[in-house]
Amino acid sequence: MYLVNLKCCGADGPGDWATSRFNNVDRTNIVEIAVSSINVFYNIPESCCKEDLKDNECELSRRLKFGGPLNTAIYQQGCVDKMIEIIYENWVSIFAITIAVILLELLSLTFALSLCCAVRNQHYKA
């Protein structure tokens, strides 16, 4: 689901899907490098298609050739790069929320310790 919202494809790009389990690639025999052992075509998920495409256009764009040019109907940017870009754009908000949560935790710890000490003192007064 996050792939659709981020408008990205794969970790580093659409080529990441070529050797994934999505294409039933057996990674246990990874040492085998022969060209004949690799499928010429591979599929990418529907979430890699751009939003303004028709269903049949997306379906045709999802089948890519190994080492061939990437179709312009799919997102070219990888999701790792896209997430780093979003973090850089929103670093102030992320930092502010992190500091607020840390301060809230410290305040809660202070109140919990105060309450603990207050209950302990009343327990020994009787």
C-alpha atoms as a PDB file:
ATOM      1  CA  MET A   1       0.000   0.000   0.000  1.00  0.00           C
ATOM      2  CA  TYR A   2       2.814   2.419   0.794  1.00  0.00           C
ATOM      3  CA  LEU A   3       4.185   1.936  -2.735  1.00  0.00           C
ATOM      4  CA  VAL A   4       1.066   3.535  -4.196  1.00  0.00           C
ATOM      5  CA  ASN A   5       1.176   6.493  -1.813  1.00  0.00           C
ATOM      6  CA  LEU A   6       4.901   7.113  -2.272  1.00  0.00           C
ATOM      7  CA  LYS A   7       4.707   6.744  -6.062  1.00  0.00           C
ATOM      8  CA  CYS A   8       7.791   4.553  -6.222  1.00  0.00           C
ATOM      9  CA  CYS A   9       8.761   1.073  -7.358  1.00  0.00           C
ATOM     10  CA  GLY A  10      11.118  -1.392  -5.668  1.00  0.00           C
ATOM     11  CA  ALA A  11      13.826  -0.471  -3.182  1.00  0.00           C
ATOM     12  CA  ASP A  12      16.225   1.047  -5.720  1.00  0.00           C
ATOM     13  CA  GLY A  13      13.976   0.921  -8.794  1.00  0.00           C
ATOM     14  CA  PRO A  14      11.791  -1.427 -10.850  1.00  0.00           C
ATOM     15  CA  GLY A  15      14.748  -3.719 -11.575  1.00  0.00           C
ATOM     16  CA  ASP A  16      14.660  -4.950  -7.967  1.00  0.00           C
ATOM     17  CA  TRP A  17      11.623  -7.066  -8.811  1.00  0.00           C
ATOM     18  CA  ALA A  18      13.588  -9.136 -11.352  1.00  0.00           C
ATOM     19  CA  THR A  19      15.180 -11.363  -8.699  1.00  0.00           C
ATOM     20  CA  SER A  20      12.420 -11.279  -6.110  1.00  0.00           C
ATOM     21  CA  ARG A  21      10.060 -13.983  -4.896  1.00  0.00           C
ATOM     22  CA  PHE A  22       7.324 -12.030  -6.663  1.00  0.00           C
ATOM     23  CA  ASN A  23       8.718 -13.565  -9.875  1.00  0.00           C
ATOM     24  CA  ASN A  24       9.250 -17.013  -8.306  1.00  0.00           C
ATOM     25  CA  VAL A  25      13.038 -16.687  -8.334  1.00  0.00           C
ATOM     26  CA  ASP A  26      14.738 -19.410  -6.305  1.00  0.00           C
ATOM     27  CA  ARG A  27      17.430 -17.610  -4.312  1.00  0.00           C
ATOM     28  CA  THR A  28      18.915 -20.832  -2.904  1.00  0.00           C
ATOM     29  CA  ASN A  29      20.775 -21.426  -6.163  1.00  0.00           C
ATOM     30  CA  ILE A  30      22.121 -17.860  -6.336  1.00  0.00           C
ATOM     31  CA  VAL A  31      25.614 -19.027  -7.398  1.00  0.00           C
ATOM     32  CA  GLU A  32      24.280 -20.075 -10.798  1.00  0.00           C
ATOM     33  CA  ILE A  33      25.140 -17.178 -13.116  1.00  0.00           C
ATOM     34  CA  ALA A  34      24.373 -18.683 -16.519  1.00  0.00           C
ATOM     35  CA  VAL A  35      22.319 -16.493 -18.810  1.00  0.00           C
ATOM     36  CA  SER A  36      20.073 -19.410 -19.705  1.00  0.00           C
ATOM     37  CA  SER A  37      19.038 -19.781 -16.053  1.00  0.00           C
ATOM     38  CA  ILE A  38      17.492 -16.315 -15.937  1.00  0.00           C
ATOM     39  CA  ASN A  39      14.062 -15.548 -17.352  1.00  0.00           C
ATOM     40  CA  VAL A  40      14.189 -12.982 -20.137  1.00  0.00           C
ATOM     41  CA  PHE A  41      11.115 -11.189 -18.796  1.00  0.00           C
ATOM     42  CA  TYR A  42       9.986 -10.346 -15.292  1.00  0.00           C
ATOM     43  CA  ASN A  43       6.854  -8.803 -13.816  1.00  0.00           C
ATOM     44  CA  ILE A  44       6.457  -5.898 -11.442  1.00  0.00           C
ATOM     45  CA  PRO A  45       3.498  -5.228  -9.125  1.00  0.00           C
ATOM     46  CA  GLU A  46       0.524  -3.148 -10.167  1.00  0.00           C
ATOM     47  CA  SER A  47       1.466  -0.571  -7.517  1.00  0.00           C
ATOM     48  CA  CYS A  48       4.424   0.462  -9.713  1.00  0.00           C
ATOM     49  CA  CYS A  49       2.092   1.766 -12.438  1.00  0.00           C
ATOM     50  CA  LYS A  50       1.407   5.481 -12.587  1.00  0.00           C
ATOM     51  CA  GLU A  51      -2.084   6.506 -11.473  1.00  0.00           C
ATOM     52  CA  ASP A  52      -3.376   7.968 -14.739  1.00  0.00           C
ATOM     53  CA  LEU A  53      -3.084   4.693 -16.696  1.00  0.00           C
ATOM     54  CA  LYS A  54      -5.919   2.486 -17.825  1.00  0.00           C
ATOM     55  CA  ASP A  55      -5.984  -1.080 -16.489  1.00  0.00           C
ATOM     56  CA  ASN A  56      -4.897  -2.724 -19.738  1.00  0.00           C
ATOM     57  CA  GLU A  57      -2.128  -0.150 -20.231  1.00  0.00           C
ATOM     58  CA  CYS A  58      -0.817  -0.886 -16.742  1.00  0.00           C
ATOM     59  CA  GLU A  59      -0.996  -4.626 -17.369  1.00  0.00           C
ATOM     60  CA  LEU A  60       1.111  -4.314 -20.531  1.00  0.00           C
ATOM     61  CA  SER A  61       3.642  -2.027 -18.815  1.00  0.00           C
ATOM     62  CA  ARG A  62       4.227  -4.412 -15.912  1.00  0.00           C
ATOM     63  CA  ARG A  63       6.105  -7.005 -17.970  1.00  0.00           C
ATOM     64  CA  LEU A  64       9.702  -5.855 -18.379  1.00  0.00           C
ATOM     65  CA  LYS A  65      12.673  -7.313 -20.205  1.00  0.00           C
ATOM     66  CA  PHE A  66      15.850  -8.082 -18.272  1.00  0.00           C
ATOM     67  CA  GLY A  67      18.330  -5.279 -18.954  1.00  0.00           C
ATOM     68  CA  GLY A  68      15.903  -3.566 -21.321  1.00  0.00           C
ATOM     69  CA  PRO A  69      14.638   0.013 -21.165  1.00  0.00           C
ATOM     70  CA  LEU A  70      12.125   0.861 -18.467  1.00  0.00           C
ATOM     71  CA  ASN A  71       8.639   1.805 -19.531  1.00  0.00           C
ATOM     72  CA  THR A  72       7.637   5.416 -18.793  1.00  0.00           C
ATOM     73  CA  ALA A  73       4.243   4.197 -17.565  1.00  0.00           C
ATOM     74  CA  ILE A  74       5.806   2.911 -14.335  1.00  0.00           C
ATOM     75  CA  TYR A  75       7.525   4.778 -11.525  1.00  0.00           C
ATOM     76  CA  GLN A  76      11.299   4.874 -11.992  1.00  0.00           C
ATOM     77  CA  GLN A  77      12.355   6.048  -8.519  1.00  0.00           C
ATOM     78  CA  GLY A  78      13.072   3.499  -5.801  1.00  0.00           C
ATOM     79  CA  CYS A  79      11.176   3.640  -2.509  1.00  0.00           C
ATOM     80  CA  VAL A  80      14.331   3.990  -0.377  1.00  0.00           C
ATOM     81  CA  ASP A  81      15.294   7.173  -2.212  1.00  0.00           C
ATOM     82  CA  LYS A  82      11.715   8.423  -2.006  1.00  0.00           C
ATOM     83  CA  MET A  83      11.514   7.790   1.758  1.00  0.00           C
ATOM     84  CA  ILE A  84      14.851   9.553   2.335  1.00  0.00           C
ATOM     85  CA  GLU A  85      13.545  12.480   0.289  1.00  0.00           C
ATOM     86  CA  ILE A  86      10.377  12.646   2.422  1.00  0.00           C
ATOM     87  CA  ILE A  87      12.434  12.510   5.639  1.00  0.00           C
ATOM     88  CA  TYR A  88      14.642  15.368   4.416  1.00  0.00           C
ATOM     89  CA  GLU A  89      11.567  17.425   3.503  1.00  0.00           C
ATOM     90  CA  ASN A  90       9.904  16.852   6.892  1.00  0.00           C
ATOM     91  CA  TRP A  91      12.885  16.599   9.246  1.00  0.00           C
ATOM     92  CA  VAL A  92      11.757  19.556  11.374  1.00  0.00           C
ATOM     93  CA  SER A  93       8.361  17.976  12.075  1.00  0.00           C
ATOM     94  CA  ILE A  94       9.912  14.567  12.756  1.00  0.00           C
ATOM     95  CA  PHE A  95      12.454  16.132  15.126  1.00  0.00           C
ATOM     96  CA  ALA A  96       9.765  18.166  16.938  1.00  0.00           C
ATOM     97  CA  ILE A  97       7.517  15.127  17.409  1.00  0.00           C
ATOM     98  CA  THR A  98      10.459  13.049  18.666  1.00  0.00           C
ATOM     99  CA  ILE A  99      11.424  15.725  21.213  1.00  0.00           C
ATOM    100  CA  ALA A 100       7.781  16.078  22.311  1.00  0.00           C
ATOM    101  CA  VAL A 101       7.471  12.320  22.890  1.00  0.00           C
ATOM    102  CA  ILE A 102      10.750  12.240  24.850  1.00  0.00           C
ATOM    103  CA  LEU A 103       9.609  15.156  27.032  1.00  0.00           C
ATOM    104  CA  LEU A 104       6.225  13.504  27.607  1.00  0.00           C
ATOM    105  CA  GLU A 105       7.967  10.284  28.645  1.00  0.00           C
ATOM    106  CA  LEU A 106      10.250  12.161  31.052  1.00  0.00           C
ATOM    107  CA  LEU A 107       7.271  14.041  32.517  1.00  0.00           C
ATOM    108  CA  SER A 108       5.381  10.758  32.966  1.00  0.00           C
ATOM    109  CA  LEU A 109       8.417   9.198  34.636  1.00  0.00           C
ATOM    110  CA  THR A 110       8.684  12.165  37.016  1.00  0.00           C
ATOM    111  CA  PHE A 111       5.002  11.928  37.991  1.00  0.00           C
ATOM    112  CA  ALA A 112       5.247   8.149  38.426  1.00  0.00           C
ATOM    113  CA  LEU A 113       8.277   8.470  40.709  1.00  0.00           C
ATOM    114  CA  SER A 114       6.582  11.248  42.712  1.00  0.00           C
ATOM    115  CA  LEU A 115       3.461   9.137  43.152  1.00  0.00           C
ATOM    116  CA  CYS A 116       5.537   6.109  44.116  1.00  0.00           C
ATOM    117  CA  CYS A 117       7.412   8.104  46.762  1.00  0.00           C
ATOM    118  CA  ALA A 118       4.192   9.648  48.099  1.00  0.00           C
ATOM    119  CA  VAL A 119       2.473   6.253  48.450  1.00  0.00           C
ATOM    120  CA  ARG A 120       5.532   4.708  50.087  1.00  0.00           C
ATOM    121  CA  ASN A 121       5.759   7.508  52.681  1.00  0.00           C
ATOM    122  CA  GLN A 122       2.087   7.166  53.684  1.00  0.00           C
ATOM    123  CA  HIS A 123       2.433   3.403  53.975  1.00  0.00           C
ATOM    124  CA  TYR A 124       5.063   3.641  56.716  1.00  0.00           C
ATOM    125  CA  LYS A 125       3.248   6.371  58.751  1.00  0.00           C
ATOM    126  CA  ALA A 126       0.591   4.102  60.243  1.00  0.00           C
END
